[in-house]
Amino acid sequence: MNLTKNNGREFVDFIRMSEEEMSTYLPLAGSFAVIKCEGKYLMCYNLWREQWELPAGRSEGDETPKECAIRELFEETGQMVSDLEFKGLLKSQKVINGEISYNPVYYTEMEKLQPFIENEETSDIKLWNLKEELGYFDSVDIKIFDYI
């Protein structure tokens, strides 16, 4: 059975725009990397939240949102890409206080996955067809598939 967790955030909207327009939406939060391979989407199992998620995370230093997505994809899944296409901003809010944030969402397709190395955050990766049973997954992440 597939079950969702909200982890304190709720989906509000997905805003399509050019990458240049992104800076008018603040605060920018961590970037997502959506990867399609063999007609399925790459998911990673987050040990801390005990759920399947899209690769994502906060930026470090002065890296751009795209650089953040590329780095997080590698750190969490071992997948190395040279470029990602900007798809828009995921708008979500904190359940507890309604605080809004915007997550840049990037996308690419790969012919074949590179080897996965388990790490402190991620214990497994899987290509998902959006239908098969995974167990728990993030309720905000799952909404991204409606817009990619």
N, C-alpha and C. Protein backbone atom coordinates (compact mmCIF):
# COMPACT_ATOMS: atom_id res chain seq x y z
N MET A 1 0.84 -1.17 0.00
CA MET A 1 0.00 0.00 0.00
C MET A 1 0.89 1.25 0.00
N ASN A 2 0.51 2.25 -0.78
CA ASN A 2 1.23 3.52 -0.80
C ASN A 2 0.55 4.48 0.17
N LEU A 3 1.33 5.03 1.08
CA LEU A 3 0.84 5.96 2.08
C LEU A 3 1.70 7.21 2.05
N THR A 4 1.09 8.36 2.31
CA THR A 4 1.85 9.61 2.30
C THR A 4 2.07 10.15 3.71
N LYS A 5 3.16 10.89 3.85
CA LYS A 5 3.49 11.62 5.06
C LYS A 5 3.65 13.08 4.66
N ASN A 6 3.18 14.01 5.49
CA ASN A 6 3.34 15.41 5.10
C ASN A 6 4.56 16.07 5.73
N ASN A 7 5.18 15.49 6.73
CA ASN A 7 6.41 16.02 7.32
C ASN A 7 6.33 17.51 7.64
N GLY A 8 5.13 17.97 7.99
CA GLY A 8 4.96 19.35 8.41
C GLY A 8 4.77 20.35 7.30
N ARG A 9 4.70 19.88 6.04
CA ARG A 9 4.50 20.78 4.89
C ARG A 9 3.35 20.29 4.04
N GLU A 10 2.65 21.23 3.41
CA GLU A 10 1.56 20.90 2.49
C GLU A 10 1.82 21.55 1.14
N PHE A 11 1.44 20.84 0.08
CA PHE A 11 1.54 21.36 -1.29
C PHE A 11 0.54 22.50 -1.45
N VAL A 12 0.97 23.59 -2.11
CA VAL A 12 0.09 24.72 -2.41
C VAL A 12 -0.10 24.85 -3.92
N ASP A 13 1.02 24.85 -4.69
CA ASP A 13 0.93 25.10 -6.13
C ASP A 13 2.25 24.71 -6.79
N PHE A 14 2.20 24.57 -8.11
CA PHE A 14 3.40 24.43 -8.91
C PHE A 14 3.38 25.57 -9.90
N ILE A 15 4.41 26.40 -9.88
CA ILE A 15 4.44 27.62 -10.69
C ILE A 15 5.42 27.44 -11.83
N ARG A 16 4.89 27.46 -13.05
CA ARG A 16 5.76 27.37 -14.24
C ARG A 16 6.26 28.76 -14.59
N MET A 17 7.54 28.84 -14.87
CA MET A 17 8.18 30.12 -15.20
C MET A 17 9.55 29.83 -15.80
N SER A 18 10.22 30.87 -16.24
CA SER A 18 11.60 30.70 -16.69
C SER A 18 12.52 30.68 -15.47
N GLU A 19 13.67 30.11 -15.65
CA GLU A 19 14.63 30.04 -14.55
C GLU A 19 15.04 31.44 -14.08
N GLU A 20 15.07 32.38 -14.99
CA GLU A 20 15.45 33.76 -14.66
C GLU A 20 14.43 34.43 -13.74
N GLU A 21 13.17 34.05 -13.85
CA GLU A 21 12.11 34.65 -13.02
C GLU A 21 12.10 34.12 -11.58
N MET A 22 12.79 33.03 -11.36
CA MET A 22 12.76 32.36 -10.06
C MET A 22 13.14 33.29 -8.91
N SER A 23 14.08 34.19 -9.12
CA SER A 23 14.58 35.03 -8.03
C SER A 23 13.54 36.00 -7.48
N THR A 24 12.42 36.15 -8.16
CA THR A 24 11.36 37.04 -7.65
C THR A 24 10.48 36.33 -6.62
N TYR A 25 10.72 35.03 -6.42
CA TYR A 25 9.95 34.25 -5.45
C TYR A 25 10.85 33.88 -4.27
N LEU A 26 10.53 34.44 -3.12
CA LEU A 26 11.35 34.18 -1.94
C LEU A 26 10.46 33.77 -0.78
N PRO A 27 10.93 32.97 0.15
CA PRO A 27 12.29 32.44 0.17
C PRO A 27 12.42 31.19 -0.69
N LEU A 28 13.56 31.08 -1.39
CA LEU A 28 13.86 29.86 -2.13
C LEU A 28 14.37 28.82 -1.14
N ALA A 29 13.80 27.64 -1.23
CA ALA A 29 14.22 26.53 -0.37
C ALA A 29 15.05 25.56 -1.21
N GLY A 30 15.28 24.36 -0.71
CA GLY A 30 16.10 23.38 -1.40
C GLY A 30 15.58 22.98 -2.76
N SER A 31 16.48 22.53 -3.61
CA SER A 31 16.16 22.15 -4.99
C SER A 31 15.85 20.66 -5.11
N PHE A 32 14.94 20.33 -6.02
CA PHE A 32 14.59 18.95 -6.36
C PHE A 32 15.26 18.55 -7.66
N ALA A 33 15.63 17.26 -7.78
CA ALA A 33 16.14 16.69 -9.02
C ALA A 33 15.23 15.52 -9.39
N VAL A 34 14.44 15.69 -10.44
CA VAL A 34 13.54 14.64 -10.91
C VAL A 34 14.22 13.96 -12.09
N ILE A 35 14.44 12.65 -11.96
CA ILE A 35 15.16 11.89 -12.97
C ILE A 35 14.25 10.80 -13.52
N LYS A 36 14.12 10.76 -14.85
CA LYS A 36 13.35 9.71 -15.50
C LYS A 36 14.33 8.77 -16.19
N CYS A 37 14.13 7.47 -15.98
CA CYS A 37 15.01 6.46 -16.55
C CYS A 37 14.16 5.23 -16.83
N GLU A 38 14.25 4.71 -18.03
CA GLU A 38 13.50 3.51 -18.42
C GLU A 38 12.00 3.69 -18.20
N GLY A 39 11.50 4.92 -18.43
CA GLY A 39 10.08 5.21 -18.29
C GLY A 39 9.59 5.32 -16.85
N LYS A 40 10.52 5.31 -15.89
CA LYS A 40 10.17 5.40 -14.47
C LYS A 40 10.95 6.54 -13.83
N TYR A 41 10.58 6.87 -12.59
CA TYR A 41 11.20 7.99 -11.88
C TYR A 41 12.06 7.51 -10.72
N LEU A 42 13.20 8.17 -10.56
CA LEU A 42 14.14 7.81 -9.50
C LEU A 42 13.64 8.31 -8.15
N MET A 43 13.52 7.38 -7.21
CA MET A 43 13.15 7.69 -5.83
C MET A 43 14.26 7.19 -4.92
N CYS A 44 14.43 7.86 -3.78
CA CYS A 44 15.42 7.41 -2.81
C CYS A 44 14.75 7.25 -1.45
N TYR A 45 15.22 6.28 -0.69
CA TYR A 45 14.63 6.02 0.63
C TYR A 45 15.40 6.78 1.69
N ASN A 46 14.72 7.74 2.34
CA ASN A 46 15.32 8.57 3.36
C ASN A 46 15.24 7.86 4.71
N LEU A 47 16.39 7.52 5.26
CA LEU A 47 16.47 6.80 6.53
C LEU A 47 15.92 7.62 7.70
N TRP A 48 16.14 8.93 7.67
CA TRP A 48 15.73 9.79 8.78
C TRP A 48 14.21 9.93 8.84
N ARG A 49 13.58 10.09 7.66
CA ARG A 49 12.12 10.27 7.63
C ARG A 49 11.37 8.95 7.37
N GLU A 50 12.14 7.90 7.09
CA GLU A 50 11.57 6.57 6.83
C GLU A 50 10.49 6.62 5.75
N GLN A 51 10.89 7.14 4.58
CA GLN A 51 9.97 7.26 3.45
C GLN A 51 10.75 7.40 2.15
N TRP A 52 10.06 7.15 1.04
CA TRP A 52 10.61 7.35 -0.29
C TRP A 52 10.41 8.81 -0.67
N GLU A 53 11.42 9.38 -1.33
CA GLU A 53 11.40 10.79 -1.70
C GLU A 53 12.10 11.00 -3.04
N LEU A 54 11.87 12.17 -3.60
CA LEU A 54 12.68 12.63 -4.72
C LEU A 54 13.99 13.18 -4.15
N PRO A 55 15.09 13.02 -4.86
CA PRO A 55 16.34 13.62 -4.40
C PRO A 55 16.18 15.14 -4.29
N ALA A 56 16.55 15.69 -3.15
CA ALA A 56 16.40 17.13 -2.92
C ALA A 56 17.18 17.54 -1.70
N GLY A 57 17.42 18.84 -1.59
CA GLY A 57 18.08 19.35 -0.40
C GLY A 57 18.41 20.82 -0.52
N ARG A 58 18.90 21.36 0.58
CA ARG A 58 19.23 22.78 0.70
C ARG A 58 20.55 23.11 0.01
N SER A 59 20.62 24.35 -0.45
CA SER A 59 21.86 24.80 -1.09
C SER A 59 22.93 25.05 -0.03
N GLU A 60 24.17 24.95 -0.45
CA GLU A 60 25.32 25.18 0.41
C GLU A 60 26.14 26.32 -0.15
N GLY A 61 26.55 27.21 0.73
CA GLY A 61 27.39 28.32 0.30
C GLY A 61 26.69 29.18 -0.73
N ASP A 62 27.41 29.48 -1.80
CA ASP A 62 26.84 30.35 -2.83
C ASP A 62 26.46 29.58 -4.10
N GLU A 63 26.17 28.27 -3.95
CA GLU A 63 25.80 27.50 -5.13
C GLU A 63 24.42 27.93 -5.65
N THR A 64 24.23 27.80 -6.94
CA THR A 64 22.95 28.12 -7.56
C THR A 64 21.94 27.01 -7.27
N PRO A 65 20.65 27.28 -7.47
CA PRO A 65 19.66 26.21 -7.28
C PRO A 65 19.95 24.98 -8.15
N LYS A 66 20.40 25.18 -9.38
CA LYS A 66 20.73 24.04 -10.25
C LYS A 66 21.93 23.27 -9.71
N GLU A 67 22.97 23.97 -9.28
CA GLU A 67 24.13 23.30 -8.69
C GLU A 67 23.72 22.51 -7.46
N CYS A 68 22.81 23.06 -6.68
CA CYS A 68 22.30 22.37 -5.50
C CYS A 68 21.61 21.06 -5.90
N ALA A 69 20.74 21.12 -6.91
CA ALA A 69 20.03 19.91 -7.36
C ALA A 69 20.99 18.85 -7.85
N ILE A 70 22.01 19.25 -8.60
CA ILE A 70 23.00 18.30 -9.12
C ILE A 70 23.78 17.66 -7.97
N ARG A 71 24.20 18.48 -6.99
CA ARG A 71 24.95 17.96 -5.85
C ARG A 71 24.10 17.02 -5.00
N GLU A 72 22.87 17.44 -4.68
CA GLU A 72 22.00 16.61 -3.85
C GLU A 72 21.68 15.28 -4.55
N LEU A 73 21.47 15.32 -5.85
CA LEU A 73 21.22 14.10 -6.60
C LEU A 73 22.39 13.13 -6.43
N PHE A 74 23.60 13.64 -6.56
CA PHE A 74 24.77 12.79 -6.40
C PHE A 74 24.92 12.29 -4.96
N GLU A 75 24.81 13.20 -3.99
CA GLU A 75 24.99 12.81 -2.59
C GLU A 75 23.98 11.76 -2.15
N GLU A 76 22.74 11.89 -2.58
CA GLU A 76 21.69 10.99 -2.11
C GLU A 76 21.55 9.72 -2.93
N THR A 77 21.93 9.75 -4.21
CA THR A 77 21.67 8.59 -5.07
C THR A 77 22.89 8.08 -5.84
N GLY A 78 23.98 8.84 -5.86
CA GLY A 78 25.15 8.44 -6.63
C GLY A 78 25.05 8.74 -8.11
N GLN A 79 23.98 9.40 -8.53
CA GLN A 79 23.79 9.71 -9.95
C GLN A 79 24.48 11.03 -10.29
N MET A 80 25.29 11.00 -11.35
CA MET A 80 25.99 12.20 -11.79
C MET A 80 25.40 12.67 -13.11
N VAL A 81 24.97 13.92 -13.14
CA VAL A 81 24.46 14.54 -14.36
C VAL A 81 25.21 15.85 -14.57
N SER A 82 25.29 16.26 -15.81
CA SER A 82 25.99 17.51 -16.10
C SER A 82 25.03 18.67 -16.24
N ASP A 83 23.77 18.38 -16.52
CA ASP A 83 22.81 19.46 -16.69
C ASP A 83 21.41 18.97 -16.33
N LEU A 84 20.60 19.90 -15.89
CA LEU A 84 19.20 19.63 -15.58
C LEU A 84 18.36 20.76 -16.17
N GLU A 85 17.13 20.44 -16.55
CA GLU A 85 16.21 21.43 -17.10
C GLU A 85 15.31 21.95 -15.99
N PHE A 86 15.22 23.27 -15.87
CA PHE A 86 14.35 23.89 -14.88
C PHE A 86 12.89 23.73 -15.30
N LYS A 87 12.05 23.24 -14.40
CA LYS A 87 10.63 23.01 -14.71
C LYS A 87 9.70 23.99 -14.02
N GLY A 88 10.13 24.60 -12.91
CA GLY A 88 9.29 25.53 -12.19
C GLY A 88 9.54 25.47 -10.69
N LEU A 89 8.66 26.14 -9.93
CA LEU A 89 8.79 26.18 -8.49
C LEU A 89 7.65 25.45 -7.81
N LEU A 90 8.00 24.61 -6.88
CA LEU A 90 7.02 23.96 -6.01
C LEU A 90 6.76 24.93 -4.87
N LYS A 91 5.50 25.30 -4.68
CA LYS A 91 5.12 26.19 -3.58
C LYS A 91 4.47 25.33 -2.50
N SER A 92 5.01 25.42 -1.28
CA SER A 92 4.44 24.66 -0.16
C SER A 92 4.38 25.57 1.06
N GLN A 93 3.66 25.08 2.07
CA GLN A 93 3.57 25.85 3.30
C GLN A 93 3.71 24.95 4.51
N LYS A 94 4.26 25.53 5.58
CA LYS A 94 4.35 24.81 6.84
C LYS A 94 2.94 24.70 7.43
N VAL A 95 2.58 23.51 7.87
CA VAL A 95 1.26 23.27 8.45
C VAL A 95 1.09 24.08 9.73
N ILE A 96 2.13 24.16 10.53
CA ILE A 96 2.03 24.77 11.86
C ILE A 96 1.79 26.28 11.83
N ASN A 97 2.36 26.98 10.82
CA ASN A 97 2.22 28.44 10.82
C ASN A 97 1.90 29.06 9.46
N GLY A 98 1.74 28.25 8.43
CA GLY A 98 1.39 28.77 7.11
C GLY A 98 2.53 29.41 6.35
N GLU A 99 3.74 29.35 6.87
CA GLU A 99 4.90 29.93 6.20
C GLU A 99 5.11 29.30 4.83
N ILE A 100 5.25 30.14 3.80
CA ILE A 100 5.40 29.70 2.41
C ILE A 100 6.87 29.58 2.04
N SER A 101 7.20 28.57 1.23
CA SER A 101 8.53 28.47 0.64
C SER A 101 8.39 27.95 -0.79
N TYR A 102 9.45 28.18 -1.56
CA TYR A 102 9.47 27.82 -2.97
C TYR A 102 10.70 26.94 -3.24
N ASN A 103 10.46 25.77 -3.84
CA ASN A 103 11.54 24.84 -4.17
C ASN A 103 11.71 24.78 -5.68
N PRO A 104 12.90 25.11 -6.19
CA PRO A 104 13.18 24.92 -7.61
C PRO A 104 13.15 23.42 -7.95
N VAL A 105 12.53 23.10 -9.08
CA VAL A 105 12.41 21.71 -9.53
C VAL A 105 13.12 21.58 -10.88
N TYR A 106 14.06 20.62 -10.94
CA TYR A 106 14.83 20.36 -12.15
C TYR A 106 14.57 18.94 -12.62
N TYR A 107 14.80 18.72 -13.92
CA TYR A 107 14.44 17.43 -14.54
C TYR A 107 15.46 17.05 -15.60
N THR A 108 15.68 15.75 -15.73
CA THR A 108 16.43 15.22 -16.86
C THR A 108 16.08 13.74 -17.03
N GLU A 109 16.46 13.21 -18.16
CA GLU A 109 16.28 11.78 -18.43
C GLU A 109 17.66 11.13 -18.55
N MET A 110 17.75 9.90 -18.05
CA MET A 110 18.99 9.13 -18.13
C MET A 110 18.67 7.80 -18.80
N GLU A 111 19.63 7.27 -19.56
CA GLU A 111 19.43 5.97 -20.19
C GLU A 111 19.60 4.83 -19.20
N LYS A 112 20.55 5.01 -18.26
CA LYS A 112 20.86 3.95 -17.31
C LYS A 112 21.32 4.58 -16.00
N LEU A 113 20.91 3.98 -14.88
CA LEU A 113 21.36 4.47 -13.58
C LEU A 113 22.80 4.05 -13.31
N GLN A 114 23.51 4.89 -12.61
CA GLN A 114 24.85 4.59 -12.15
C GLN A 114 24.74 3.84 -10.82
N PRO A 115 25.80 3.17 -10.39
CA PRO A 115 25.72 2.40 -9.13
C PRO A 115 25.38 3.29 -7.94
N PHE A 116 24.60 2.74 -7.04
CA PHE A 116 24.21 3.42 -5.81
C PHE A 116 25.13 3.00 -4.68
N ILE A 117 25.55 3.97 -3.89
CA ILE A 117 26.34 3.70 -2.70
C ILE A 117 25.55 4.19 -1.50
N GLU A 118 25.21 3.27 -0.60
CA GLU A 118 24.44 3.64 0.58
C GLU A 118 25.20 4.71 1.36
N ASN A 119 24.45 5.66 1.92
CA ASN A 119 25.07 6.75 2.67
C ASN A 119 24.27 7.01 3.95
N GLU A 120 24.66 8.01 4.72
CA GLU A 120 24.03 8.24 6.02
C GLU A 120 22.57 8.67 5.91
N GLU A 121 22.15 9.20 4.77
CA GLU A 121 20.77 9.67 4.59
C GLU A 121 19.91 8.71 3.79
N THR A 122 20.51 8.03 2.82
CA THR A 122 19.75 7.22 1.87
C THR A 122 20.19 5.76 1.91
N SER A 123 19.23 4.86 2.10
CA SER A 123 19.57 3.44 2.18
C SER A 123 19.30 2.68 0.88
N ASP A 124 18.52 3.27 -0.03
CA ASP A 124 18.17 2.55 -1.26
C ASP A 124 17.65 3.54 -2.29
N ILE A 125 17.76 3.17 -3.56
CA ILE A 125 17.12 3.93 -4.63
C ILE A 125 16.28 2.96 -5.44
N LYS A 126 15.30 3.50 -6.14
CA LYS A 126 14.40 2.66 -6.93
C LYS A 126 13.82 3.49 -8.06
N LEU A 127 13.63 2.84 -9.21
CA LEU A 127 12.89 3.45 -10.30
C LEU A 127 11.42 3.10 -10.09
N TRP A 128 10.57 4.11 -10.07
CA TRP A 128 9.15 3.94 -9.74
C TRP A 128 8.27 4.36 -10.90
N ASN A 129 7.27 3.53 -11.20
CA ASN A 129 6.34 3.81 -12.31
C ASN A 129 5.12 4.61 -11.88
N LEU A 130 5.10 5.13 -10.67
CA LEU A 130 4.01 5.92 -10.09
C LEU A 130 2.80 5.08 -9.69
N LYS A 131 2.87 3.77 -9.88
CA LYS A 131 1.74 2.90 -9.56
C LYS A 131 2.09 1.80 -8.57
N GLU A 132 3.27 1.18 -8.75
CA GLU A 132 3.61 0.06 -7.88
C GLU A 132 3.70 0.51 -6.43
N GLU A 133 3.56 -0.45 -5.53
CA GLU A 133 3.59 -0.13 -4.11
C GLU A 133 5.01 0.16 -3.64
N LEU A 134 5.14 1.28 -2.94
CA LEU A 134 6.41 1.69 -2.37
C LEU A 134 6.38 1.65 -0.85
N GLY A 135 5.24 1.92 -0.27
CA GLY A 135 5.14 2.12 1.17
C GLY A 135 4.89 3.59 1.42
N TYR A 136 5.66 4.20 2.31
CA TYR A 136 5.49 5.62 2.62
C TYR A 136 6.29 6.48 1.66
N PHE A 137 5.67 7.58 1.21
CA PHE A 137 6.38 8.58 0.44
C PHE A 137 5.87 9.96 0.82
N ASP A 138 6.66 10.97 0.48
CA ASP A 138 6.35 12.34 0.88
C ASP A 138 5.17 12.88 0.08
N SER A 139 4.17 13.43 0.77
CA SER A 139 2.95 13.91 0.11
C SER A 139 3.20 15.16 -0.74
N VAL A 140 4.20 15.96 -0.41
CA VAL A 140 4.52 17.13 -1.22
C VAL A 140 5.30 16.69 -2.46
N ASP A 141 6.29 15.83 -2.28
CA ASP A 141 7.08 15.33 -3.42
C ASP A 141 6.19 14.72 -4.49
N ILE A 142 5.24 13.92 -4.08
CA ILE A 142 4.40 13.17 -5.03
C ILE A 142 3.61 14.10 -5.94
N LYS A 143 3.28 15.29 -5.47
CA LYS A 143 2.51 16.24 -6.29
C LYS A 143 3.33 16.74 -7.48
N ILE A 144 4.66 16.71 -7.38
CA ILE A 144 5.51 17.19 -8.47
C ILE A 144 5.24 16.39 -9.75
N PHE A 145 4.93 15.11 -9.61
CA PHE A 145 4.70 14.29 -10.79
C PHE A 145 3.49 14.76 -11.61
N ASP A 146 2.58 15.49 -11.01
CA ASP A 146 1.44 16.04 -11.75
C ASP A 146 1.86 17.15 -12.71
N TYR A 147 3.06 17.68 -12.54
CA TYR A 147 3.49 18.86 -13.31
C TYR A 147 4.71 18.63 -14.17
N ILE A 148 5.34 17.48 -14.06
CA ILE A 148 6.57 17.22 -14.84
C ILE A 148 6.19 16.64 -16.21
